Amino acid sequence: MSKITIKIVEVDQESQTVVIKYASEDSKKSIDDYPPVAFQISNYGVSTPEEFIEKITPQVTYWLLDRDAKENSTTNVNVSTWIGHEATVNSLPLPTPMAPPIEGLADSEVIL
């Protein structure tokens, strides 16, 4: 994975919510062209922006892998011969699943 940029674009002191945008070197658009996502910092036990960024980086990395893969997919693969294929593989350790991103706060019409 390439370098990731995480940009804090809005905060709400009352709800302790931080809104970010994120992109990587492989992202097709500028960071500002992607929708924002909101996090409540009380879920992360942080008190500085650096701690916050460190805590959300694994989750953002996962989202970026998925988003960048979809954006950069240009090959039309012929899957018609895949029926019946079986494989036995070793499982991989995964991070604890986290809540999906909440798009909002940048649009005053969105209610969290």
PDB file of N, CA and C in Angstrom:
ATOM      1  N   MET A   1       0.854  -1.181   0.000  1.00  0.00           N
ATOM      2  CA  MET A   1       0.000   0.000   0.000  1.00  0.00           C
ATOM      3  C   MET A   1       0.892   1.233   0.000  1.00  0.00           C
ATOM      4  N   SER A   2       0.449   2.221  -0.671  1.00  0.00           N
ATOM      5  CA  SER A   2       1.184   3.473  -0.771  1.00  0.00           C
ATOM      6  C   SER A   2       0.920   4.360   0.454  1.00  0.00           C
ATOM      7  N   LYS A   3       1.495   5.528   0.449  1.00  0.00           N
ATOM      8  CA  LYS A   3       1.299   6.489   1.536  1.00  0.00           C
ATOM      9  C   LYS A   3      -0.166   6.912   1.597  1.00  0.00           C
ATOM     10  N   ILE A   4      -0.642   7.143   2.811  1.00  0.00           N
ATOM     11  CA  ILE A   4      -2.018   7.567   3.055  1.00  0.00           C
ATOM     12  C   ILE A   4      -1.998   8.991   3.598  1.00  0.00           C
ATOM     13  N   THR A   5      -2.917   9.808   3.117  1.00  0.00           N
ATOM     14  CA  THR A   5      -3.115  11.144   3.667  1.00  0.00           C
ATOM     15  C   THR A   5      -4.472  11.169   4.347  1.00  0.00           C
ATOM     16  N   ILE A   6      -4.483  11.588   5.597  1.00  0.00           N
ATOM     17  CA  ILE A   6      -5.712  11.741   6.371  1.00  0.00           C
ATOM     18  C   ILE A   6      -5.805  13.208   6.747  1.00  0.00           C
ATOM     19  N   LYS A   7      -6.910  13.826   6.394  1.00  0.00           N
ATOM     20  CA  LYS A   7      -7.092  15.264   6.600  1.00  0.00           C
ATOM     21  C   LYS A   7      -8.325  15.500   7.469  1.00  0.00           C
ATOM     22  N   ILE A   8      -8.145  16.185   8.595  1.00  0.00           N
ATOM     23  CA  ILE A   8      -9.280  16.561   9.439  1.00  0.00           C
ATOM     24  C   ILE A   8      -9.925  17.787   8.799  1.00  0.00           C
ATOM     25  N   VAL A   9     -11.219  17.658   8.455  1.00  0.00           N
ATOM     26  CA  VAL A   9     -11.890  18.734   7.739  1.00  0.00           C
ATOM     27  C   VAL A   9     -12.958  19.443   8.557  1.00  0.00           C
ATOM     28  N   GLU A  10     -13.352  18.830   9.676  1.00  0.00           N
ATOM     29  CA  GLU A  10     -14.388  19.449  10.497  1.00  0.00           C
ATOM     30  C   GLU A  10     -14.367  18.785  11.873  1.00  0.00           C
ATOM     31  N   VAL A  11     -14.736  19.542  12.887  1.00  0.00           N
ATOM     32  CA  VAL A  11     -14.882  18.988  14.235  1.00  0.00           C
ATOM     33  C   VAL A  11     -16.157  19.547  14.846  1.00  0.00           C
ATOM     34  N   ASP A  12     -16.744  18.772  15.733  1.00  0.00           N
ATOM     35  CA  ASP A  12     -17.901  19.225  16.491  1.00  0.00           C
ATOM     36  C   ASP A  12     -17.585  18.979  17.963  1.00  0.00           C
ATOM     37  N   GLN A  13     -17.305  20.053  18.679  1.00  0.00           N
ATOM     38  CA  GLN A  13     -16.883  19.959  20.073  1.00  0.00           C
ATOM     39  C   GLN A  13     -17.954  19.308  20.939  1.00  0.00           C
ATOM     40  N   GLU A  14     -19.210  19.690  20.720  1.00  0.00           N
ATOM     41  CA  GLU A  14     -20.293  19.186  21.560  1.00  0.00           C
ATOM     42  C   GLU A  14     -20.421  17.660  21.494  1.00  0.00           C
ATOM     43  N   SER A  15     -20.356  17.106  20.295  1.00  0.00           N
ATOM     44  CA  SER A  15     -20.511  15.653  20.148  1.00  0.00           C
ATOM     45  C   SER A  15     -19.173  14.923  20.133  1.00  0.00           C
ATOM     46  N   GLN A  16     -18.072  15.684  20.230  1.00  0.00           N
ATOM     47  CA  GLN A  16     -16.729  15.097  20.180  1.00  0.00           C
ATOM     48  C   GLN A  16     -16.540  14.286  18.896  1.00  0.00           C
ATOM     49  N   THR A  17     -17.017  14.873  17.796  1.00  0.00           N
ATOM     50  CA  THR A  17     -16.953  14.218  16.492  1.00  0.00           C
ATOM     51  C   THR A  17     -15.910  14.901  15.625  1.00  0.00           C
ATOM     52  N   VAL A  18     -15.124  14.082  14.940  1.00  0.00           N
ATOM     53  CA  VAL A  18     -14.098  14.570  14.027  1.00  0.00           C
ATOM     54  C   VAL A  18     -14.428  14.023  12.645  1.00  0.00           C
ATOM     55  N   VAL A  19     -14.421  14.901  11.661  1.00  0.00           N
ATOM     56  CA  VAL A  19     -14.722  14.509  10.285  1.00  0.00           C
ATOM     57  C   VAL A  19     -13.423  14.551   9.495  1.00  0.00           C
ATOM     58  N   ILE A  20     -13.175  13.476   8.755  1.00  0.00           N
ATOM     59  CA  ILE A  20     -11.943  13.392   7.969  1.00  0.00           C
ATOM     60  C   ILE A  20     -12.242  13.098   6.507  1.00  0.00           C
ATOM     61  N   LYS A  21     -11.241  13.328   5.697  1.00  0.00           N
ATOM     62  CA  LYS A  21     -11.190  12.829   4.324  1.00  0.00           C
ATOM     63  C   LYS A  21      -9.867  12.082   4.220  1.00  0.00           C
ATOM     64  N   TYR A  22      -9.811  11.119   3.319  1.00  0.00           N
ATOM     65  CA  TYR A  22      -8.592  10.331   3.190  1.00  0.00           C
ATOM     66  C   TYR A  22      -8.381   9.921   1.743  1.00  0.00           C
ATOM     67  N   ALA A  23      -7.110   9.749   1.395  1.00  0.00           N
ATOM     68  CA  ALA A  23      -6.733   9.308   0.051  1.00  0.00           C
ATOM     69  C   ALA A  23      -5.341   8.702   0.131  1.00  0.00           C
ATOM     70  N   SER A  24      -4.987   7.989  -0.918  1.00  0.00           N
ATOM     71  CA  SER A  24      -3.646   7.414  -1.010  1.00  0.00           C
ATOM     72  C   SER A  24      -3.015   7.863  -2.315  1.00  0.00           C
ATOM     73  N   GLU A  25      -1.768   7.489  -2.502  1.00  0.00           N
ATOM     74  CA  GLU A  25      -1.089   7.800  -3.761  1.00  0.00           C
ATOM     75  C   GLU A  25      -1.749   7.078  -4.928  1.00  0.00           C
ATOM     76  N   ASP A  26      -2.481   5.997  -4.648  1.00  0.00           N
ATOM     77  CA  ASP A  26      -3.159   5.234  -5.690  1.00  0.00           C
ATOM     78  C   ASP A  26      -4.591   5.692  -5.943  1.00  0.00           C
ATOM     79  N   SER A  27      -5.099   6.614  -5.129  1.00  0.00           N
ATOM     80  CA  SER A  27      -6.465   7.097  -5.305  1.00  0.00           C
ATOM     81  C   SER A  27      -6.574   7.882  -6.612  1.00  0.00           C
ATOM     82  N   LYS A  28      -7.694   7.730  -7.279  1.00  0.00           N
ATOM     83  CA  LYS A  28      -7.899   8.382  -8.578  1.00  0.00           C
ATOM     84  C   LYS A  28      -8.236   9.859  -8.459  1.00  0.00           C
ATOM     85  N   LYS A  29      -8.770  10.278  -7.307  1.00  0.00           N
ATOM     86  CA  LYS A  29      -9.201  11.661  -7.133  1.00  0.00           C
ATOM     87  C   LYS A  29      -8.356  12.357  -6.074  1.00  0.00           C
ATOM     88  N   SER A  30      -8.502  13.656  -6.027  1.00  0.00           N
ATOM     89  CA  SER A  30      -7.896  14.460  -4.966  1.00  0.00           C
ATOM     90  C   SER A  30      -8.600  14.146  -3.654  1.00  0.00           C
ATOM     91  N   ILE A  31      -7.907  14.275  -2.544  1.00  0.00           N
ATOM     92  CA  ILE A  31      -8.485  14.004  -1.226  1.00  0.00           C
ATOM     93  C   ILE A  31      -9.773  14.792  -1.010  1.00  0.00           C
ATOM     94  N   ASP A  32      -9.828  16.031  -1.497  1.00  0.00           N
ATOM     95  CA  ASP A  32     -11.006  16.871  -1.293  1.00  0.00           C
ATOM     96  C   ASP A  32     -12.197  16.462  -2.153  1.00  0.00           C
ATOM     97  N   ASP A  33     -11.976  15.594  -3.137  1.00  0.00           N
ATOM     98  CA  ASP A  33     -13.065  15.133  -3.998  1.00  0.00           C
ATOM     99  C   ASP A  33     -13.798  13.917  -3.442  1.00  0.00           C
ATOM    100  N   TYR A  34     -13.323  13.372  -2.335  1.00  0.00           N
ATOM    101  CA  TYR A  34     -13.983  12.227  -1.711  1.00  0.00           C
ATOM    102  C   TYR A  34     -14.907  12.710  -0.610  1.00  0.00           C
ATOM    103  N   PRO A  35     -15.985  11.951  -0.322  1.00  0.00           N
ATOM    104  CA  PRO A  35     -16.882  12.351   0.766  1.00  0.00           C
ATOM    105  C   PRO A  35     -16.199  12.185   2.121  1.00  0.00           C
ATOM    106  N   PRO A  36     -16.575  13.012   3.077  1.00  0.00           N
ATOM    107  CA  PRO A  36     -15.985  12.900   4.411  1.00  0.00           C
ATOM    108  C   PRO A  36     -16.620  11.762   5.200  1.00  0.00           C
ATOM    109  N   VAL A  37     -15.923  11.322   6.231  1.00  0.00           N
ATOM    110  CA  VAL A  37     -16.464  10.353   7.187  1.00  0.00           C
ATOM    111  C   VAL A  37     -16.250  10.888   8.593  1.00  0.00           C
ATOM    112  N   ALA A  38     -17.166  10.532   9.489  1.00  0.00           N
ATOM    113  CA  ALA A  38     -17.134  11.067  10.850  1.00  0.00           C
ATOM    114  C   ALA A  38     -16.767   9.979  11.861  1.00  0.00           C
ATOM    115  N   PHE A  39     -16.026  10.383  12.866  1.00  0.00           N
ATOM    116  CA  PHE A  39     -15.636   9.513  13.972  1.00  0.00           C
ATOM    117  C   PHE A  39     -15.944  10.236  15.275  1.00  0.00           C
ATOM    118  N   GLN A  40     -16.411   9.508  16.268  1.00  0.00           N
ATOM    119  CA  GLN A  40     -16.545  10.079  17.599  1.00  0.00           C
ATOM    120  C   GLN A  40     -15.294   9.678  18.367  1.00  0.00           C
ATOM    121  N   ILE A  41     -14.540  10.671  18.835  1.00  0.00           N
ATOM    122  CA  ILE A  41     -13.253  10.354  19.452  1.00  0.00           C
ATOM    123  C   ILE A  41     -13.413   9.601  20.765  1.00  0.00           C
ATOM    124  N   SER A  42     -14.591   9.665  21.379  1.00  0.00           N
ATOM    125  CA  SER A  42     -14.794   8.911  22.620  1.00  0.00           C
ATOM    126  C   SER A  42     -14.675   7.406  22.383  1.00  0.00           C
ATOM    127  N   ASN A  43     -14.867   6.962  21.150  1.00  0.00           N
ATOM    128  CA  ASN A  43     -14.728   5.541  20.822  1.00  0.00           C
ATOM    129  C   ASN A  43     -13.264   5.111  20.740  1.00  0.00           C
ATOM    130  N   TYR A  44     -12.341   6.062  20.746  1.00  0.00           N
ATOM    131  CA  TYR A  44     -10.927   5.751  20.531  1.00  0.00           C
ATOM    132  C   TYR A  44     -10.035   6.104  21.710  1.00  0.00           C
ATOM    133  N   GLY A  45     -10.546   6.802  22.698  1.00  0.00           N
ATOM    134  CA  GLY A  45      -9.760   7.129  23.877  1.00  0.00           C
ATOM    135  C   GLY A  45      -8.517   7.950  23.561  1.00  0.00           C
ATOM    136  N   VAL A  46      -8.672   8.995  22.780  1.00  0.00           N
ATOM    137  CA  VAL A  46      -7.540   9.819  22.368  1.00  0.00           C
ATOM    138  C   VAL A  46      -7.725  11.252  22.842  1.00  0.00           C
ATOM    139  N   SER A  47      -6.603  11.996  22.901  1.00  0.00           N
ATOM    140  CA  SER A  47      -6.699  13.399  23.316  1.00  0.00           C
ATOM    141  C   SER A  47      -5.920  14.342  22.411  1.00  0.00           C
ATOM    142  N   THR A  48      -5.230  13.807  21.406  1.00  0.00           N
ATOM    143  CA  THR A  48      -4.500  14.668  20.471  1.00  0.00           C
ATOM    144  C   THR A  48      -4.822  14.229  19.038  1.00  0.00           C
ATOM    145  N   PRO A  49      -4.629  15.135  18.075  1.00  0.00           N
ATOM    146  CA  PRO A  49      -4.877  14.729  16.684  1.00  0.00           C
ATOM    147  C   PRO A  49      -3.940  13.614  16.235  1.00  0.00           C
ATOM    148  N   GLU A  50      -2.721  13.612  16.753  1.00  0.00           N
ATOM    149  CA  GLU A  50      -1.764  12.568  16.383  1.00  0.00           C
ATOM    150  C   GLU A  50      -2.229  11.194  16.877  1.00  0.00           C
ATOM    151  N   GLU A  51      -2.707  11.141  18.137  1.00  0.00           N
ATOM    152  CA  GLU A  51      -3.235   9.877  18.670  1.00  0.00           C
ATOM    153  C   GLU A  51      -4.452   9.413  17.872  1.00  0.00           C
ATOM    154  N   PHE A  52      -5.306  10.361  17.532  1.00  0.00           N
ATOM    155  CA  PHE A  52      -6.509  10.045  16.765  1.00  0.00           C
ATOM    156  C   PHE A  52      -6.141   9.436  15.413  1.00  0.00           C
ATOM    157  N   ILE A  53      -5.240  10.092  14.695  1.00  0.00           N
ATOM    158  CA  ILE A  53      -4.808   9.591  13.384  1.00  0.00           C
ATOM    159  C   ILE A  53      -4.196   8.204  13.519  1.00  0.00           C
ATOM    160  N   GLU A  54      -3.375   8.014  14.544  1.00  0.00           N
ATOM    161  CA  GLU A  54      -2.752   6.704  14.760  1.00  0.00           C
ATOM    162  C   GLU A  54      -3.809   5.618  14.989  1.00  0.00           C
ATOM    163  N   LYS A  55      -4.836   5.933  15.771  1.00  0.00           N
ATOM    164  CA  LYS A  55      -5.879   4.951  16.086  1.00  0.00           C
ATOM    165  C   LYS A  55      -6.740   4.588  14.885  1.00  0.00           C
ATOM    166  N   ILE A  56      -7.025   5.569  14.018  1.00  0.00           N
ATOM    167  CA  ILE A  56      -7.924   5.279  12.889  1.00  0.00           C
ATOM    168  C   ILE A  56      -7.191   4.775  11.652  1.00  0.00           C
ATOM    169  N   THR A  57      -5.865   4.851  11.633  1.00  0.00           N
ATOM    170  CA  THR A  57      -5.106   4.447  10.443  1.00  0.00           C
ATOM    171  C   THR A  57      -5.395   3.015   9.985  1.00  0.00           C
ATOM    172  N   PRO A  58      -5.467   2.010  10.876  1.00  0.00           N
ATOM    173  CA  PRO A  58      -5.781   0.664  10.379  1.00  0.00           C
ATOM    174  C   PRO A  58      -7.133   0.597   9.672  1.00  0.00           C
ATOM    175  N   GLN A  59      -8.136   1.240  10.236  1.00  0.00           N
ATOM    176  CA  GLN A  59      -9.469   1.227   9.637  1.00  0.00           C
ATOM    177  C   GLN A  59      -9.473   1.965   8.300  1.00  0.00           C
ATOM    178  N   VAL A  60      -8.843   3.118   8.251  1.00  0.00           N
ATOM    179  CA  VAL A  60      -8.780   3.889   7.009  1.00  0.00           C
ATOM    180  C   VAL A  60      -7.992   3.119   5.945  1.00  0.00           C
ATOM    181  N   THR A  61      -6.935   2.442   6.351  1.00  0.00           N
ATOM    182  CA  THR A  61      -6.155   1.633   5.414  1.00  0.00           C
ATOM    183  C   THR A  61      -7.034   0.565   4.775  1.00  0.00           C
ATOM    184  N   TYR A  62      -7.835  -0.103   5.570  1.00  0.00           N
ATOM    185  CA  TYR A  62      -8.743  -1.127   5.056  1.00  0.00           C
ATOM    186  C   TYR A  62      -9.721  -0.523   4.049  1.00  0.00           C
ATOM    187  N   TRP A  63     -10.335   0.607   4.416  1.00  0.00           N
ATOM    188  CA  TRP A  63     -11.283   1.265   3.508  1.00  0.00           C
ATOM    189  C   TRP A  63     -10.597   1.682   2.211  1.00  0.00           C
ATOM    190  N   LEU A  64      -9.358   2.200   2.327  1.00  0.00           N
ATOM    191  CA  LEU A  64      -8.623   2.628   1.136  1.00  0.00           C
ATOM    192  C   LEU A  64      -8.289   1.466   0.217  1.00  0.00           C
ATOM    193  N   LEU A  65      -7.880   0.349   0.789  1.00  0.00           N
ATOM    194  CA  LEU A  65      -7.592  -0.826  -0.038  1.00  0.00           C
ATOM    195  C   LEU A  65      -8.797  -1.179  -0.894  1.00  0.00           C
ATOM    196  N   ASP A  66      -9.964  -1.174  -0.269  1.00  0.00           N
ATOM    197  CA  ASP A  66     -11.196  -1.506  -0.986  1.00  0.00           C
ATOM    198  C   ASP A  66     -11.539  -0.435  -2.022  1.00  0.00           C
ATOM    199  N   ARG A  67     -11.526   0.831  -1.621  1.00  0.00           N
ATOM    200  CA  ARG A  67     -11.907   1.917  -2.534  1.00  0.00           C
ATOM    201  C   ARG A  67     -10.936   2.037  -3.704  1.00  0.00           C
ATOM    202  N   ASP A  68      -9.629   1.996  -3.418  1.00  0.00           N
ATOM    203  CA  ASP A  68      -8.639   2.114  -4.488  1.00  0.00           C
ATOM    204  C   ASP A  68      -8.701   0.929  -5.447  1.00  0.00           C
ATOM    205  N   ALA A  69      -8.946  -0.270  -4.911  1.00  0.00           N
ATOM    206  CA  ALA A  69      -9.050  -1.446  -5.776  1.00  0.00           C
ATOM    207  C   ALA A  69     -10.225  -1.295  -6.738  1.00  0.00           C
ATOM    208  N   LYS A  70     -11.344  -0.808  -6.244  1.00  0.00           N
ATOM    209  CA  LYS A  70     -12.514  -0.606  -7.108  1.00  0.00           C
ATOM    210  C   LYS A  70     -12.236   0.466  -8.155  1.00  0.00           C
ATOM    211  N   GLU A  71     -11.600   1.555  -7.742  1.00  0.00           N
ATOM    212  CA  GLU A  71     -11.312   2.654  -8.674  1.00  0.00           C
ATOM    213  C   GLU A  71     -10.300   2.263  -9.742  1.00  0.00           C
ATOM    214  N   ASN A  72      -9.337   1.438  -9.381  1.00  0.00           N
ATOM    215  CA  ASN A  72      -8.245   1.122 -10.292  1.00  0.00           C
ATOM    216  C   ASN A  72      -8.466  -0.156 -11.092  1.00  0.00           C
ATOM    217  N   SER A  73      -9.617  -0.794 -10.923  1.00  0.00           N
ATOM    218  CA  SER A  73      -9.908  -2.014 -11.659  1.00  0.00           C
ATOM    219  C   SER A  73     -10.252  -1.668 -13.106  1.00  0.00           C
ATOM    220  N   THR A  74      -9.423  -2.125 -14.024  1.00  0.00           N
ATOM    221  CA  THR A  74      -9.661  -1.823 -15.443  1.00  0.00           C
ATOM    222  C   THR A  74      -9.760  -3.090 -16.284  1.00  0.00           C
ATOM    223  N   THR A  75      -9.518  -4.229 -15.674  1.00  0.00           N
ATOM    224  CA  THR A  75      -9.495  -5.480 -16.415  1.00  0.00           C
ATOM    225  C   THR A  75     -10.856  -6.161 -16.341  1.00  0.00           C
ATOM    226  N   ASN A  76     -11.354  -6.579 -17.486  1.00  0.00           N
ATOM    227  CA  ASN A  76     -12.578  -7.357 -17.535  1.00  0.00           C
ATOM    228  C   ASN A  76     -12.160  -8.825 -17.593  1.00  0.00           C
ATOM    229  N   VAL A  77     -12.249  -9.511 -16.474  1.00  0.00           N
ATOM    230  CA  VAL A  77     -11.784 -10.886 -16.362  1.00  0.00           C
ATOM    231  C   VAL A  77     -12.900 -11.835 -16.776  1.00  0.00           C
ATOM    232  N   ASN A  78     -12.562 -12.840 -17.561  1.00  0.00           N
ATOM    233  CA  ASN A  78     -13.517 -13.860 -17.956  1.00  0.00           C
ATOM    234  C   ASN A  78     -13.625 -14.873 -16.821  1.00  0.00           C
ATOM    235  N   VAL A  79     -14.709 -14.798 -16.050  1.00  0.00           N
ATOM    236  CA  VAL A  79     -14.898 -15.680 -14.909  1.00  0.00           C
ATOM    237  C   VAL A  79     -15.794 -16.876 -15.241  1.00  0.00           C
ATOM    238  N   SER A  80     -16.162 -17.024 -16.478  1.00  0.00           N
ATOM    239  CA  SER A  80     -17.105 -18.084 -16.849  1.00  0.00           C
ATOM    240  C   SER A  80     -16.557 -19.483 -16.587  1.00  0.00           C
ATOM    241  N   THR A  81     -15.251 -19.650 -16.521  1.00  0.00           N
ATOM    242  CA  THR A  81     -14.667 -20.976 -16.280  1.00  0.00           C
ATOM    243  C   THR A  81     -14.379 -21.232 -14.804  1.00  0.00           C
ATOM    244  N   TRP A  82     -14.730 -20.324 -13.922  1.00  0.00           N
ATOM    245  CA  TRP A  82     -14.416 -20.449 -12.503  1.00  0.00           C
ATOM    246  C   TRP A  82     -15.389 -21.348 -11.743  1.00  0.00           C
ATOM    247  N   ILE A  83     -16.509 -21.691 -12.318  1.00  0.00           N
ATOM    248  CA  ILE A  83     -17.508 -22.505 -11.632  1.00  0.00           C
ATOM    249  C   ILE A  83     -16.893 -23.840 -11.225  1.00  0.00           C
ATOM    250  N   GLY A  84     -17.074 -24.205  -9.974  1.00  0.00           N
ATOM    251  CA  GLY A  84     -16.578 -25.473  -9.463  1.00  0.00           C
ATOM    252  C   GLY A  84     -15.158 -25.434  -8.926  1.00  0.00           C
ATOM    253  N   HIS A  85     -14.467 -24.321  -9.068  1.00  0.00           N
ATOM    254  CA  HIS A  85     -13.098 -24.216  -8.556  1.00  0.00           C
ATOM    255  C   HIS A  85     -13.126 -24.236  -7.037  1.00  0.00           C
ATOM    256  N   GLU A  86     -12.243 -25.024  -6.432  1.00  0.00           N
ATOM    257  CA  GLU A  86     -12.109 -25.083  -4.979  1.00  0.00           C
ATOM    258  C   GLU A  86     -10.665 -24.810  -4.589  1.00  0.00           C
ATOM    259  N   ALA A  87     -10.508 -24.202  -3.411  1.00  0.00           N
ATOM    260  CA  ALA A  87      -9.163 -23.947  -2.895  1.00  0.00           C
ATOM    261  C   ALA A  87      -9.195 -24.070  -1.381  1.00  0.00           C
ATOM    262  N   THR A  88      -8.126 -24.577  -0.807  1.00  0.00           N
ATOM    263  CA  THR A  88      -7.968 -24.627   0.645  1.00  0.00           C
ATOM    264  C   THR A  88      -6.801 -23.713   0.989  1.00  0.00           C
ATOM    265  N   VAL A  89      -7.090 -22.720   1.835  1.00  0.00           N
ATOM    266  CA  VAL A  89      -6.079 -21.714   2.174  1.00  0.00           C
ATOM    267  C   VAL A  89      -6.019 -21.542   3.688  1.00  0.00           C
ATOM    268  N   ASN A  90      -4.921 -20.990   4.170  1.00  0.00           N
ATOM    269  CA  ASN A  90      -4.793 -20.653   5.580  1.00  0.00           C
ATOM    270  C   ASN A  90      -5.513 -19.339   5.848  1.00  0.00           C
ATOM    271  N   SER A  91      -6.203 -19.254   6.958  1.00  0.00           N
ATOM    272  CA  SER A  91      -6.862 -18.002   7.305  1.00  0.00           C
ATOM    273  C   SER A  91      -5.817 -16.988   7.743  1.00  0.00           C
ATOM    274  N   LEU A  92      -6.178 -15.724   7.675  1.00  0.00           N
ATOM    275  CA  LEU A  92      -5.292 -14.634   8.073  1.00  0.00           C
ATOM    276  C   LEU A  92      -5.881 -13.918   9.277  1.00  0.00           C
ATOM    277  N   PRO A  93      -5.040 -13.453  10.183  1.00  0.00           N
ATOM    278  CA  PRO A  93      -5.571 -12.675  11.304  1.00  0.00           C
ATOM    279  C   PRO A  93      -6.082 -11.333  10.794  1.00  0.00           C
ATOM    280  N   LEU A  94      -7.237 -10.961  11.243  1.00  0.00           N
ATOM    281  CA  LEU A  94      -7.826  -9.696  10.827  1.00  0.00           C
ATOM    282  C   LEU A  94      -8.031  -8.808  12.038  1.00  0.00           C
ATOM    283  N   PRO A  95      -8.021  -7.488  11.808  1.00  0.00           N
ATOM    284  CA  PRO A  95      -8.316  -6.592  12.930  1.00  0.00           C
ATOM    285  C   PRO A  95      -9.776  -6.759  13.342  1.00  0.00           C
ATOM    286  N   THR A  96     -10.081  -6.345  14.539  1.00  0.00           N
ATOM    287  CA  THR A  96     -11.451  -6.381  15.022  1.00  0.00           C
ATOM    288  C   THR A  96     -12.312  -5.515  14.111  1.00  0.00           C
ATOM    289  N   PRO A  97     -13.436  -6.055  13.620  1.00  0.00           N
ATOM    290  CA  PRO A  97     -14.300  -5.247  12.746  1.00  0.00           C
ATOM    291  C   PRO A  97     -14.747  -3.981  13.456  1.00  0.00           C
ATOM    292  N   MET A  98     -14.800  -2.906  12.702  1.00  0.00           N
ATOM    293  CA  MET A  98     -15.216  -1.629  13.267  1.00  0.00           C
ATOM    294  C   MET A  98     -16.444  -1.154  12.516  1.00  0.00           C
ATOM    295  N   ALA A  99     -17.105  -0.182  13.071  1.00  0.00           N
ATOM    296  CA  ALA A  99     -18.301   0.357  12.437  1.00  0.00           C
ATOM    297  C   ALA A  99     -17.943   0.960  11.086  1.00  0.00           C
ATOM    298  N   PRO A 100     -18.866   0.891  10.122  1.00  0.00           N
ATOM    299  CA  PRO A 100     -18.606   1.493   8.826  1.00  0.00           C
ATOM    300  C   PRO A 100     -18.526   3.009   8.941  1.00  0.00           C
ATOM    301  N   PRO A 101     -17.917   3.663   7.963  1.00  0.00           N
ATOM    302  CA  PRO A 101     -17.818   5.126   8.025  1.00  0.00           C
ATOM    303  C   PRO A 101     -19.193   5.763   7.942  1.00  0.00           C
ATOM    304  N   ILE A 102     -19.333   6.888   8.589  1.00  0.00           N
ATOM    305  CA  ILE A 102     -20.571   7.656   8.537  1.00  0.00           C
ATOM    306  C   ILE A 102     -20.280   8.920   7.761  1.00  0.00           C
ATOM    307  N   GLU A 103     -20.887   9.029   6.588  1.00  0.00           N
ATOM    308  CA  GLU A 103     -20.699  10.247   5.819  1.00  0.00           C
ATOM    309  C   GLU A 103     -21.582  11.318   6.414  1.00  0.00           C
ATOM    310  N   GLY A 104     -21.003  12.463   6.666  1.00  0.00           N
ATOM    311  CA  GLY A 104     -21.844  13.503   7.229  1.00  0.00           C
ATOM    312  C   GLY A 104     -21.089  14.670   7.786  1.00  0.00           C
ATOM    313  N   LEU A 105     -21.801  15.512   8.458  1.00  0.00           N
ATOM    314  CA  LEU A 105     -21.385  16.755   9.092  1.00  0.00           C
ATOM    315  C   LEU A 105     -20.959  17.806   8.081  1.00  0.00           C
ATOM    316  N   ALA A 106     -20.380  17.447   6.957  1.00  0.00           N
ATOM    317  CA  ALA A 106     -20.050  18.441   5.950  1.00  0.00           C
ATOM    318  C   ALA A 106     -21.331  18.931   5.275  1.00  0.00           C
ATOM    319  N   ASP A 107     -22.412  18.161   5.400  1.00  0.00           N
ATOM    320  CA  ASP A 107     -23.704  18.519   4.843  1.00  0.00           C
ATOM    321  C   ASP A 107     -24.644  18.745   6.020  1.00  0.00           C
ATOM    322  N   SER A 108     -25.111  19.958   6.185  1.00  0.00           N
ATOM    323  CA  SER A 108     -25.924  20.292   7.354  1.00  0.00           C
ATOM    324  C   SER A 108     -27.253  19.533   7.374  1.00  0.00           C
ATOM    325  N   GLU A 109     -27.635  18.899   6.279  1.00  0.00           N
ATOM    326  CA  GLU A 109     -28.876  18.148   6.226  1.00  0.00           C
ATOM    327  C   GLU A 109     -28.728  16.742   6.803  1.00  0.00           C
ATOM    328  N   VAL A 110     -27.495  16.290   7.013  1.00  0.00           N
ATOM    329  CA  VAL A 110     -27.270  14.938   7.502  1.00  0.00           C
ATOM    330  C   VAL A 110     -27.455  14.906   9.015  1.00  0.00           C
ATOM    331  N   ILE A 111     -28.214  13.916   9.489  1.00  0.00           N
ATOM    332  CA  ILE A 111     -28.435  13.750  10.925  1.00  0.00           C
ATOM    333  C   ILE A 111     -27.728  12.486  11.365  1.00  0.00           C
ATOM    334  N   LEU A 112     -26.869  12.614  12.359  1.00  0.00           N
ATOM    335  CA  LEU A 112     -26.140  11.443  12.858  1.00  0.00           C
ATOM    336  C   LEU A 112     -26.962  10.755  13.918  1.00  0.00           C
TER     337      LEU A 112
END
